[in-house]
Amino acid sequence: MNDKMDESEEEVAVEEPYVGMEFESEDDARKFYTDYAKRVGFVVRVMQRRRSEINGKTLARRLGCNKQGFSPNQKGTFGPDKKPRPSAREGCKATILVKVEKSGKWVVTRFVKDHNHPLVVTSPGGFSTGGDKDKKIEELTLELQRQDKLCAAYREKLLKFLSYVEEQAEHLSSKVEQVVENLRKVEAEVQTLSHHR
């Protein structure tokens, strides 16, 4: 039971990058962001690297969600019978920018946390296996079937209720017609009696 508590505490205590956060090296920064991505539920893509024109050393590195940007349209390159693969990119803005300072430390100078797509947390080993995906698809399919049955049951109840309301409206309408008819008869009798006096 303690293991479960420790795991849930670890999930809650995901350390986020922040502007000003320091690392000893570019690799440390990349490893931290990649580990963070695995715990949060996305895959990292190396976006850009800025190098020194003097010695070619890396001065800055931008890492981001693999769904960042949009794939170029590749129509016509697949032939008439083949369809292009769907793009994995969705224009996500999640990114981190790290720069090397004069001290030699790598510092986070920009961090965008928010994603515009659902996040998928991987298994404890950090990998999402085909089996995990199949299991998730099966779970979601079962949930969808359950929701479909629930919708069908609600639809049936709603139709019964509407039918009942319609019957009651017709019943009420006939009652109102009877009351109106009775009022007319009473008015006619009152007029007849008032004329006889």
N, C-alpha and C. Protein backbone atom coordinates (compact mmCIF):
# COMPACT_ATOMS: atom_id res chain seq x y z
N MET A 1 0.82 -1.21 0.00
CA MET A 1 0.00 0.00 0.00
C MET A 1 0.87 1.26 0.00
N ASN A 2 1.99 1.23 0.70
CA ASN A 2 2.89 2.38 0.70
C ASN A 2 3.45 2.65 -0.68
N ASP A 3 3.70 1.55 -1.45
CA ASP A 3 4.20 1.75 -2.81
C ASP A 3 3.22 2.56 -3.63
N LYS A 4 1.92 2.26 -3.49
CA LYS A 4 0.90 3.00 -4.24
C LYS A 4 0.88 4.46 -3.82
N MET A 5 1.01 4.70 -2.53
CA MET A 5 1.03 6.09 -2.05
C MET A 5 2.26 6.81 -2.58
N ASP A 6 3.43 6.13 -2.56
CA ASP A 6 4.64 6.76 -3.06
C ASP A 6 4.51 7.10 -4.53
N GLU A 7 3.93 6.17 -5.34
CA GLU A 7 3.75 6.43 -6.75
C GLU A 7 2.84 7.62 -6.98
N SER A 8 1.72 7.68 -6.26
CA SER A 8 0.79 8.80 -6.47
C SER A 8 1.42 10.11 -6.01
N GLU A 9 2.23 10.07 -4.95
CA GLU A 9 2.91 11.28 -4.51
C GLU A 9 3.90 11.75 -5.56
N GLU A 10 4.60 10.78 -6.20
CA GLU A 10 5.54 11.14 -7.26
C GLU A 10 4.81 11.80 -8.42
N GLU A 11 3.64 11.26 -8.78
CA GLU A 11 2.88 11.83 -9.89
C GLU A 11 2.44 13.25 -9.58
N VAL A 12 2.07 13.50 -8.34
CA VAL A 12 1.62 14.83 -7.94
C VAL A 12 2.79 15.80 -7.93
N ALA A 13 3.97 15.32 -7.53
CA ALA A 13 5.13 16.18 -7.35
C ALA A 13 6.00 16.23 -8.60
N VAL A 14 5.40 16.46 -9.77
CA VAL A 14 6.17 16.58 -11.01
C VAL A 14 6.81 17.96 -11.01
N GLU A 15 8.14 17.99 -11.04
CA GLU A 15 8.83 19.27 -11.04
C GLU A 15 8.76 19.87 -12.44
N GLU A 16 8.27 21.09 -12.50
CA GLU A 16 8.12 21.79 -13.77
C GLU A 16 9.34 22.67 -14.02
N PRO A 17 9.69 22.83 -15.29
CA PRO A 17 10.73 23.82 -15.59
C PRO A 17 10.21 25.22 -15.28
N TYR A 18 11.11 26.15 -15.06
CA TYR A 18 10.71 27.54 -14.84
C TYR A 18 11.82 28.44 -15.36
N VAL A 19 11.45 29.64 -15.75
CA VAL A 19 12.43 30.59 -16.26
C VAL A 19 13.41 30.89 -15.13
N GLY A 20 14.70 30.74 -15.44
CA GLY A 20 15.75 30.95 -14.45
C GLY A 20 16.32 29.64 -13.91
N MET A 21 15.66 28.53 -14.19
CA MET A 21 16.15 27.23 -13.75
C MET A 21 17.50 26.96 -14.42
N GLU A 22 18.48 26.43 -13.64
CA GLU A 22 19.83 26.22 -14.16
C GLU A 22 20.18 24.75 -14.25
N PHE A 23 21.03 24.43 -15.24
CA PHE A 23 21.54 23.08 -15.45
C PHE A 23 23.04 23.18 -15.70
N GLU A 24 23.74 22.10 -15.39
CA GLU A 24 25.19 22.06 -15.58
C GLU A 24 25.57 21.96 -17.06
N SER A 25 24.68 21.34 -17.86
CA SER A 25 25.00 21.15 -19.27
C SER A 25 23.73 21.14 -20.11
N GLU A 26 23.93 21.21 -21.42
CA GLU A 26 22.79 21.12 -22.35
C GLU A 26 22.12 19.76 -22.21
N ASP A 27 22.95 18.71 -22.07
CA ASP A 27 22.39 17.35 -21.92
C ASP A 27 21.54 17.23 -20.66
N ASP A 28 21.98 17.86 -19.56
CA ASP A 28 21.18 17.83 -18.33
C ASP A 28 19.83 18.50 -18.55
N ALA A 29 19.84 19.63 -19.26
CA ALA A 29 18.59 20.35 -19.54
C ALA A 29 17.68 19.50 -20.40
N ARG A 30 18.24 18.87 -21.44
CA ARG A 30 17.45 18.04 -22.34
C ARG A 30 16.87 16.84 -21.58
N LYS A 31 17.70 16.20 -20.74
CA LYS A 31 17.24 15.03 -19.98
C LYS A 31 16.12 15.44 -19.03
N PHE A 32 16.28 16.58 -18.35
CA PHE A 32 15.24 17.04 -17.43
C PHE A 32 13.93 17.25 -18.18
N TYR A 33 13.96 17.94 -19.32
CA TYR A 33 12.73 18.24 -20.06
C TYR A 33 12.12 16.96 -20.63
N THR A 34 12.94 16.03 -21.09
CA THR A 34 12.44 14.76 -21.61
C THR A 34 11.77 13.95 -20.50
N ASP A 35 12.39 13.92 -19.30
CA ASP A 35 11.78 13.22 -18.16
C ASP A 35 10.48 13.89 -17.74
N TYR A 36 10.48 15.21 -17.73
CA TYR A 36 9.27 15.98 -17.42
C TYR A 36 8.16 15.63 -18.42
N ALA A 37 8.52 15.58 -19.70
CA ALA A 37 7.54 15.29 -20.75
C ALA A 37 6.93 13.90 -20.55
N LYS A 38 7.75 12.92 -20.20
CA LYS A 38 7.25 11.56 -19.98
C LYS A 38 6.26 11.53 -18.83
N ARG A 39 6.57 12.25 -17.76
CA ARG A 39 5.68 12.25 -16.59
C ARG A 39 4.38 12.99 -16.87
N VAL A 40 4.46 14.05 -17.68
CA VAL A 40 3.28 14.86 -17.97
C VAL A 40 2.44 14.24 -19.09
N GLY A 41 3.11 13.62 -20.08
CA GLY A 41 2.35 12.92 -21.12
C GLY A 41 2.53 13.42 -22.53
N PHE A 42 3.74 13.85 -22.90
CA PHE A 42 3.99 14.22 -24.29
C PHE A 42 5.40 13.80 -24.68
N VAL A 43 5.70 13.90 -25.96
CA VAL A 43 6.99 13.50 -26.49
C VAL A 43 7.74 14.76 -26.92
N VAL A 44 9.05 14.79 -26.62
CA VAL A 44 9.87 15.96 -26.93
C VAL A 44 10.45 15.85 -28.33
N ARG A 45 10.46 17.00 -29.00
CA ARG A 45 11.12 17.10 -30.30
C ARG A 45 12.14 18.22 -30.20
N VAL A 46 13.35 17.99 -30.73
CA VAL A 46 14.37 19.04 -30.76
C VAL A 46 13.97 20.01 -31.86
N MET A 47 13.78 21.26 -31.48
CA MET A 47 13.24 22.24 -32.42
C MET A 47 14.36 23.02 -33.13
N GLN A 48 15.18 23.70 -32.37
CA GLN A 48 16.21 24.56 -32.96
C GLN A 48 17.47 24.53 -32.12
N ARG A 49 18.57 24.89 -32.78
CA ARG A 49 19.83 25.05 -32.05
C ARG A 49 20.52 26.27 -32.62
N ARG A 50 21.01 27.12 -31.75
CA ARG A 50 21.77 28.29 -32.19
C ARG A 50 23.24 28.06 -31.84
N ARG A 51 24.10 28.21 -32.83
CA ARG A 51 25.54 27.97 -32.63
C ARG A 51 26.33 29.27 -32.73
N SER A 52 27.48 29.24 -32.10
CA SER A 52 28.40 30.36 -32.19
C SER A 52 29.02 30.39 -33.59
N GLU A 53 29.07 31.56 -34.18
CA GLU A 53 29.71 31.69 -35.49
C GLU A 53 31.23 31.60 -35.37
N ILE A 54 31.73 31.82 -34.17
CA ILE A 54 33.18 31.81 -33.95
C ILE A 54 33.71 30.38 -33.84
N ASN A 55 33.13 29.59 -32.91
CA ASN A 55 33.69 28.25 -32.68
C ASN A 55 32.69 27.12 -32.93
N GLY A 56 31.46 27.44 -33.33
CA GLY A 56 30.48 26.40 -33.64
C GLY A 56 29.81 25.75 -32.44
N LYS A 57 30.15 26.21 -31.23
CA LYS A 57 29.53 25.63 -30.02
C LYS A 57 28.07 26.04 -29.93
N THR A 58 27.27 25.15 -29.34
CA THR A 58 25.85 25.43 -29.17
C THR A 58 25.68 26.50 -28.09
N LEU A 59 24.92 27.54 -28.42
CA LEU A 59 24.65 28.63 -27.48
C LEU A 59 23.25 28.54 -26.88
N ALA A 60 22.33 27.98 -27.65
CA ALA A 60 20.94 27.88 -27.20
C ALA A 60 20.29 26.67 -27.87
N ARG A 61 19.31 26.13 -27.16
CA ARG A 61 18.59 24.97 -27.69
C ARG A 61 17.12 25.15 -27.35
N ARG A 62 16.26 24.91 -28.36
CA ARG A 62 14.82 24.97 -28.13
C ARG A 62 14.27 23.57 -28.30
N LEU A 63 13.56 23.11 -27.28
CA LEU A 63 12.90 21.81 -27.30
C LEU A 63 11.41 22.07 -27.18
N GLY A 64 10.61 21.19 -27.77
CA GLY A 64 9.17 21.40 -27.68
C GLY A 64 8.40 20.10 -27.82
N CYS A 65 7.12 20.23 -27.73
CA CYS A 65 6.22 19.09 -27.91
C CYS A 65 6.30 18.62 -29.35
N ASN A 66 6.25 17.30 -29.56
CA ASN A 66 6.34 16.79 -30.92
C ASN A 66 5.12 17.14 -31.77
N LYS A 67 4.08 17.71 -31.15
CA LYS A 67 2.90 18.13 -31.91
C LYS A 67 2.97 19.62 -32.25
N GLN A 68 4.15 20.23 -32.03
CA GLN A 68 4.32 21.64 -32.33
C GLN A 68 4.40 21.85 -33.84
N GLY A 69 3.85 22.95 -34.30
CA GLY A 69 3.89 23.28 -35.72
C GLY A 69 2.88 22.49 -36.51
N PHE A 70 2.97 22.62 -37.82
CA PHE A 70 2.08 21.91 -38.73
C PHE A 70 2.94 21.29 -39.83
N SER A 71 2.57 20.09 -40.26
CA SER A 71 3.30 19.44 -41.35
C SER A 71 2.93 20.11 -42.66
N PRO A 72 3.91 20.26 -43.55
CA PRO A 72 3.58 20.86 -44.85
C PRO A 72 2.64 19.95 -45.63
N ASN A 73 1.80 20.55 -46.46
CA ASN A 73 0.86 19.79 -47.27
C ASN A 73 1.65 19.05 -48.35
N GLN A 74 1.47 17.73 -48.42
CA GLN A 74 2.24 16.93 -49.37
C GLN A 74 1.35 16.29 -50.43
N LYS A 75 0.26 16.93 -50.81
CA LYS A 75 -0.65 16.37 -51.81
C LYS A 75 0.09 16.16 -53.12
N GLY A 76 -0.27 15.09 -53.79
CA GLY A 76 0.30 14.83 -55.09
C GLY A 76 1.56 13.98 -55.06
N THR A 77 2.20 13.82 -53.92
CA THR A 77 3.43 13.05 -53.85
C THR A 77 3.18 11.58 -53.55
N PHE A 78 1.91 11.20 -53.35
CA PHE A 78 1.60 9.84 -52.96
C PHE A 78 0.96 9.03 -54.08
N GLY A 79 0.69 9.64 -55.19
CA GLY A 79 0.04 8.92 -56.28
C GLY A 79 -1.46 8.96 -56.13
N PRO A 80 -2.18 8.56 -57.18
CA PRO A 80 -3.64 8.68 -57.17
C PRO A 80 -4.33 7.73 -56.20
N ASP A 81 -3.75 6.56 -55.91
CA ASP A 81 -4.42 5.57 -55.07
C ASP A 81 -4.02 5.63 -53.61
N LYS A 82 -3.00 6.43 -53.29
CA LYS A 82 -2.51 6.46 -51.91
C LYS A 82 -2.93 7.74 -51.22
N LYS A 83 -3.27 7.60 -49.95
CA LYS A 83 -3.64 8.77 -49.15
C LYS A 83 -2.47 9.16 -48.27
N PRO A 84 -2.27 10.46 -48.03
CA PRO A 84 -1.19 10.86 -47.14
C PRO A 84 -1.49 10.45 -45.70
N ARG A 85 -0.44 10.17 -44.95
CA ARG A 85 -0.61 9.84 -43.54
C ARG A 85 -1.09 11.08 -42.80
N PRO A 86 -1.94 10.89 -41.78
CA PRO A 86 -2.37 12.06 -41.02
C PRO A 86 -1.19 12.66 -40.27
N SER A 87 -1.19 13.96 -40.15
CA SER A 87 -0.10 14.65 -39.47
C SER A 87 -0.23 14.49 -37.96
N ALA A 88 0.92 14.31 -37.30
CA ALA A 88 0.93 14.23 -35.84
C ALA A 88 1.01 15.62 -35.24
N ARG A 89 1.30 16.60 -36.06
CA ARG A 89 1.47 17.96 -35.55
C ARG A 89 0.13 18.69 -35.50
N GLU A 90 -0.06 19.41 -34.39
CA GLU A 90 -1.35 20.08 -34.18
C GLU A 90 -1.20 21.55 -33.82
N GLY A 91 -0.01 22.10 -34.03
CA GLY A 91 0.18 23.51 -33.71
C GLY A 91 0.37 23.78 -32.24
N CYS A 92 0.83 22.78 -31.49
CA CYS A 92 1.03 22.94 -30.04
C CYS A 92 2.14 23.96 -29.78
N LYS A 93 1.98 24.78 -28.76
CA LYS A 93 2.95 25.83 -28.46
C LYS A 93 3.89 25.47 -27.31
N ALA A 94 3.71 24.30 -26.68
CA ALA A 94 4.53 23.93 -25.52
C ALA A 94 6.00 23.85 -25.93
N THR A 95 6.85 24.57 -25.21
CA THR A 95 8.27 24.64 -25.57
C THR A 95 9.11 25.08 -24.38
N ILE A 96 10.41 24.83 -24.50
CA ILE A 96 11.37 25.33 -23.52
C ILE A 96 12.59 25.82 -24.29
N LEU A 97 13.16 26.93 -23.86
CA LEU A 97 14.37 27.47 -24.48
C LEU A 97 15.43 27.57 -23.40
N VAL A 98 16.58 26.93 -23.65
CA VAL A 98 17.70 27.01 -22.70
C VAL A 98 18.88 27.65 -23.41
N LYS A 99 19.59 28.52 -22.69
CA LYS A 99 20.77 29.21 -23.25
C LYS A 99 21.93 29.03 -22.29
N VAL A 100 23.13 28.98 -22.86
CA VAL A 100 24.32 28.88 -22.03
C VAL A 100 24.71 30.30 -21.59
N GLU A 101 24.97 30.43 -20.31
CA GLU A 101 25.37 31.72 -19.75
C GLU A 101 26.90 31.81 -19.76
N LYS A 102 27.45 32.99 -19.46
CA LYS A 102 28.90 33.18 -19.40
C LYS A 102 29.53 32.27 -18.35
N SER A 103 28.75 31.94 -17.31
CA SER A 103 29.24 31.07 -16.24
C SER A 103 29.39 29.62 -16.71
N GLY A 104 28.80 29.30 -17.88
CA GLY A 104 28.85 27.94 -18.39
C GLY A 104 27.60 27.14 -18.05
N LYS A 105 26.77 27.70 -17.19
CA LYS A 105 25.50 27.03 -16.83
C LYS A 105 24.48 27.26 -17.94
N TRP A 106 23.57 26.27 -18.07
CA TRP A 106 22.47 26.38 -19.02
C TRP A 106 21.25 26.83 -18.25
N VAL A 107 20.60 27.90 -18.74
CA VAL A 107 19.48 28.52 -18.01
C VAL A 107 18.24 28.53 -18.89
N VAL A 108 17.10 28.21 -18.27
CA VAL A 108 15.82 28.27 -18.96
C VAL A 108 15.45 29.74 -19.12
N THR A 109 15.29 30.19 -20.36
CA THR A 109 14.92 31.58 -20.60
C THR A 109 13.49 31.73 -21.09
N ARG A 110 12.88 30.60 -21.48
CA ARG A 110 11.48 30.63 -21.89
C ARG A 110 10.87 29.26 -21.64
N PHE A 111 9.64 29.27 -21.11
CA PHE A 111 8.94 28.01 -20.88
C PHE A 111 7.46 28.23 -21.14
N VAL A 112 6.91 27.47 -22.10
CA VAL A 112 5.47 27.50 -22.38
C VAL A 112 4.94 26.13 -21.99
N LYS A 113 4.06 26.10 -21.00
CA LYS A 113 3.57 24.85 -20.42
C LYS A 113 2.38 24.26 -21.18
N ASP A 114 1.46 25.10 -21.62
CA ASP A 114 0.16 24.64 -22.10
C ASP A 114 0.23 23.94 -23.46
N HIS A 115 -0.52 22.84 -23.54
CA HIS A 115 -0.66 22.07 -24.78
C HIS A 115 -2.08 22.27 -25.31
N ASN A 116 -2.25 22.13 -26.62
CA ASN A 116 -3.59 22.28 -27.21
C ASN A 116 -4.17 20.92 -27.60
N HIS A 117 -3.71 19.87 -26.95
CA HIS A 117 -4.14 18.50 -27.26
C HIS A 117 -4.09 17.69 -25.98
N PRO A 118 -4.78 16.55 -25.96
CA PRO A 118 -4.74 15.71 -24.76
C PRO A 118 -3.33 15.15 -24.54
N LEU A 119 -2.97 15.02 -23.28
CA LEU A 119 -1.68 14.44 -22.91
C LEU A 119 -1.88 12.98 -22.56
N VAL A 120 -0.91 12.13 -22.90
CA VAL A 120 -1.01 10.70 -22.65
C VAL A 120 0.19 10.28 -21.81
N VAL A 121 -0.06 10.03 -20.53
CA VAL A 121 1.03 9.64 -19.64
C VAL A 121 1.43 8.21 -19.97
N THR A 122 2.74 8.00 -20.09
CA THR A 122 3.26 6.68 -20.44
C THR A 122 3.34 5.79 -19.22
N SER A 123 3.65 4.53 -19.46
CA SER A 123 3.76 3.56 -18.38
C SER A 123 4.92 3.92 -17.45
N PRO A 124 4.99 3.32 -16.23
CA PRO A 124 6.03 3.68 -15.27
C PRO A 124 7.45 3.56 -15.83
N GLY A 125 7.67 2.66 -16.76
CA GLY A 125 9.00 2.53 -17.36
C GLY A 125 9.31 3.68 -18.30
N GLY A 126 8.33 4.51 -18.60
CA GLY A 126 8.55 5.66 -19.45
C GLY A 126 8.24 5.40 -20.91
N PHE A 127 7.79 4.22 -21.25
CA PHE A 127 7.52 3.90 -22.65
C PHE A 127 6.06 3.53 -22.81
N SER A 128 5.49 3.95 -23.89
CA SER A 128 4.13 3.57 -24.24
C SER A 128 4.25 2.46 -25.28
N THR A 129 3.93 1.26 -24.87
CA THR A 129 4.08 0.12 -25.78
C THR A 129 2.84 -0.04 -26.63
N GLY A 130 2.97 -0.87 -27.67
CA GLY A 130 1.82 -1.17 -28.52
C GLY A 130 0.71 -1.78 -27.69
N GLY A 131 1.09 -2.63 -26.72
CA GLY A 131 0.10 -3.25 -25.83
C GLY A 131 -0.64 -2.21 -25.02
N ASP A 132 0.10 -1.20 -24.56
CA ASP A 132 -0.54 -0.10 -23.80
C ASP A 132 -1.56 0.61 -24.68
N LYS A 133 -1.18 0.86 -25.92
CA LYS A 133 -2.08 1.55 -26.84
C LYS A 133 -3.31 0.70 -27.12
N ASP A 134 -3.07 -0.60 -27.36
CA ASP A 134 -4.20 -1.50 -27.62
C ASP A 134 -5.13 -1.57 -26.43
N LYS A 135 -4.53 -1.63 -25.24
CA LYS A 135 -5.33 -1.68 -24.01
C LYS A 135 -6.15 -0.40 -23.86
N LYS A 136 -5.51 0.73 -24.12
CA LYS A 136 -6.21 2.02 -24.02
C LYS A 136 -7.34 2.10 -25.04
N ILE A 137 -7.07 1.63 -26.26
CA ILE A 137 -8.10 1.64 -27.31
C ILE A 137 -9.27 0.76 -26.88
N GLU A 138 -8.95 -0.41 -26.31
CA GLU A 138 -10.00 -1.32 -25.85
C GLU A 138 -10.82 -0.68 -24.73
N GLU A 139 -10.13 -0.04 -23.78
CA GLU A 139 -10.83 0.64 -22.68
C GLU A 139 -11.74 1.74 -23.21
N LEU A 140 -11.21 2.53 -24.13
CA LEU A 140 -12.00 3.64 -24.68
C LEU A 140 -13.17 3.13 -25.51
N THR A 141 -12.96 2.02 -26.22
CA THR A 141 -14.05 1.42 -27.02
C THR A 141 -15.16 0.94 -26.09
N LEU A 142 -14.77 0.27 -25.00
CA LEU A 142 -15.77 -0.20 -24.03
C LEU A 142 -16.52 0.98 -23.41
N GLU A 143 -15.77 2.04 -23.08
CA GLU A 143 -16.41 3.22 -22.50
C GLU A 143 -17.36 3.86 -23.51
N LEU A 144 -16.97 3.91 -24.76
CA LEU A 144 -17.83 4.46 -25.81
C LEU A 144 -19.10 3.62 -25.96
N GLN A 145 -18.96 2.29 -25.92
CA GLN A 145 -20.13 1.41 -26.01
C GLN A 145 -21.05 1.63 -24.80
N ARG A 146 -20.44 1.77 -23.61
CA ARG A 146 -21.23 2.03 -22.41
C ARG A 146 -21.98 3.36 -22.53
N GLN A 147 -21.30 4.37 -23.02
CA GLN A 147 -21.93 5.69 -23.19
C GLN A 147 -23.03 5.62 -24.25
N ASP A 148 -22.81 4.84 -25.32
CA ASP A 148 -23.85 4.67 -26.36
C ASP A 148 -25.10 4.04 -25.76
N LYS A 149 -24.92 2.99 -24.93
CA LYS A 149 -26.06 2.34 -24.29
C LYS A 149 -26.78 3.32 -23.36
N LEU A 150 -26.00 4.09 -22.64
CA LEU A 150 -26.58 5.08 -21.74
C LEU A 150 -27.37 6.12 -22.53
N CYS A 151 -26.81 6.58 -23.64
CA CYS A 151 -27.52 7.55 -24.49
C CYS A 151 -28.81 6.94 -25.03
N ALA A 152 -28.74 5.67 -25.46
CA ALA A 152 -29.94 5.00 -25.98
C ALA A 152 -31.01 4.92 -24.90
N ALA A 153 -30.60 4.59 -23.67
CA ALA A 153 -31.57 4.50 -22.57
C ALA A 153 -32.18 5.88 -22.29
N TYR A 154 -31.35 6.92 -22.26
CA TYR A 154 -31.87 8.27 -22.03
C TYR A 154 -32.78 8.70 -23.17
N ARG A 155 -32.41 8.34 -24.41
CA ARG A 155 -33.24 8.69 -25.57
C ARG A 155 -34.60 8.02 -25.44
N GLU A 156 -34.62 6.73 -25.05
CA GLU A 156 -35.87 6.00 -24.88
C GLU A 156 -36.73 6.65 -23.79
N LYS A 157 -36.09 6.98 -22.67
CA LYS A 157 -36.84 7.64 -21.58
C LYS A 157 -37.38 8.99 -22.02
N LEU A 158 -36.57 9.73 -22.76
CA LEU A 158 -37.01 11.04 -23.23
C LEU A 158 -38.19 10.90 -24.19
N LEU A 159 -38.12 9.93 -25.10
CA LEU A 159 -39.23 9.72 -26.04
C LEU A 159 -40.50 9.31 -25.30
N LYS A 160 -40.36 8.44 -24.28
CA LYS A 160 -41.53 8.05 -23.48
C LYS A 160 -42.11 9.26 -22.76
N PHE A 161 -41.21 10.08 -22.20
CA PHE A 161 -41.66 11.27 -21.50
C PHE A 161 -42.39 12.22 -22.44
N LEU A 162 -41.82 12.44 -23.64
CA LEU A 162 -42.46 13.33 -24.62
C LEU A 162 -43.81 12.78 -25.05
N SER A 163 -43.89 11.46 -25.21
CA SER A 163 -45.16 10.83 -25.57
C SER A 163 -46.18 11.05 -24.45
N TYR A 164 -45.74 10.89 -23.21
CA TYR A 164 -46.62 11.11 -22.06
C TYR A 164 -47.09 12.57 -22.02
N VAL A 165 -46.16 13.50 -22.24
CA VAL A 165 -46.51 14.93 -22.24
C VAL A 165 -47.53 15.20 -23.34
N GLU A 166 -47.32 14.60 -24.51
CA GLU A 166 -48.25 14.79 -25.62
C GLU A 166 -49.64 14.25 -25.26
N GLU A 167 -49.68 13.06 -24.66
CA GLU A 167 -50.97 12.49 -24.23
C GLU A 167 -51.64 13.40 -23.22
N GLN A 168 -50.86 13.87 -22.25
CA GLN A 168 -51.43 14.75 -21.22
C GLN A 168 -51.90 16.05 -21.81
N ALA A 169 -51.16 16.57 -22.80
CA ALA A 169 -51.57 17.81 -23.46
C ALA A 169 -52.89 17.60 -24.20
N GLU A 170 -53.03 16.46 -24.88
CA GLU A 170 -54.28 16.15 -25.57
C GLU A 170 -55.42 15.99 -24.56
N HIS A 171 -55.14 15.30 -23.47
CA HIS A 171 -56.14 15.10 -22.42
C HIS A 171 -56.56 16.46 -21.84
N LEU A 172 -55.56 17.28 -21.54
CA LEU A 172 -55.83 18.61 -20.98
C LEU A 172 -56.62 19.45 -21.99
N SER A 173 -56.26 19.35 -23.25
CA SER A 173 -56.95 20.09 -24.29
C SER A 173 -58.42 19.70 -24.37
N SER A 174 -58.68 18.37 -24.28
CA SER A 174 -60.09 17.93 -24.33
C SER A 174 -60.84 18.39 -23.08
N LYS A 175 -60.13 18.40 -21.93
CA LYS A 175 -60.77 18.90 -20.69
C LYS A 175 -61.09 20.38 -20.82
N VAL A 176 -60.16 21.14 -21.38
CA VAL A 176 -60.39 22.57 -21.56
C VAL A 176 -61.57 22.78 -22.50
N GLU A 177 -61.63 22.00 -23.57
CA GLU A 177 -62.75 22.10 -24.51
C GLU A 177 -64.07 21.80 -23.79
N GLN A 178 -64.08 20.80 -22.91
CA GLN A 178 -65.29 20.47 -22.15
C GLN A 178 -65.69 21.62 -21.23
N VAL A 179 -64.67 22.22 -20.57
CA VAL A 179 -64.96 23.35 -19.67
C VAL A 179 -65.52 24.51 -20.47
N VAL A 180 -64.91 24.79 -21.62
CA VAL A 180 -65.40 25.90 -22.46
C VAL A 180 -66.83 25.61 -22.92
N GLU A 181 -67.10 24.37 -23.34
CA GLU A 181 -68.45 23.98 -23.77
C GLU A 181 -69.45 24.12 -22.62
N ASN A 182 -69.06 23.68 -21.43
CA ASN A 182 -69.93 23.81 -20.25
C ASN A 182 -70.19 25.27 -19.92
N LEU A 183 -69.15 26.12 -20.03
CA LEU A 183 -69.33 27.55 -19.77
C LEU A 183 -70.33 28.16 -20.77
N ARG A 184 -70.20 27.75 -22.03
CA ARG A 184 -71.13 28.26 -23.05
C ARG A 184 -72.57 27.84 -22.72
N LYS A 185 -72.73 26.59 -22.27
CA LYS A 185 -74.07 26.11 -21.91
C LYS A 185 -74.61 26.90 -20.72
N VAL A 186 -73.73 27.12 -19.71
CA VAL A 186 -74.16 27.87 -18.53
C VAL A 186 -74.53 29.29 -18.94
N GLU A 187 -73.67 29.93 -19.77
CA GLU A 187 -73.97 31.29 -20.23
C GLU A 187 -75.29 31.33 -21.00
N ALA A 188 -75.50 30.33 -21.83
CA ALA A 188 -76.76 30.27 -22.62
C ALA A 188 -77.94 30.13 -21.67
N GLU A 189 -77.81 29.27 -20.66
CA GLU A 189 -78.91 29.09 -19.70
C GLU A 189 -79.16 30.37 -18.91
N VAL A 190 -78.04 31.05 -18.52
CA VAL A 190 -78.18 32.30 -17.77
C VAL A 190 -78.90 33.33 -18.63
N GLN A 191 -78.52 33.42 -19.90
CA GLN A 191 -79.17 34.37 -20.79
C GLN A 191 -80.65 34.01 -20.99
N THR A 192 -80.93 32.71 -21.11
CA THR A 192 -82.30 32.26 -21.28
C THR A 192 -83.11 32.62 -20.05
N LEU A 193 -82.57 32.37 -18.87
CA LEU A 193 -83.26 32.69 -17.63
C LEU A 193 -83.44 34.19 -17.45
N SER A 194 -82.44 34.98 -17.84
CA SER A 194 -82.55 36.44 -17.69
C SER A 194 -83.58 37.01 -18.66
N HIS A 195 -83.76 36.37 -19.83
CA HIS A 195 -84.78 36.83 -20.77
C HIS A 195 -86.19 36.47 -20.28
N HIS A 196 -86.32 35.38 -19.56
CA HIS A 196 -87.64 34.95 -19.08
C HIS A 196 -88.08 35.81 -17.89
N ARG A 197 -87.27 36.54 -17.27
CA ARG A 197 -87.69 37.34 -16.12
C ARG A 197 -88.26 38.60 -16.54
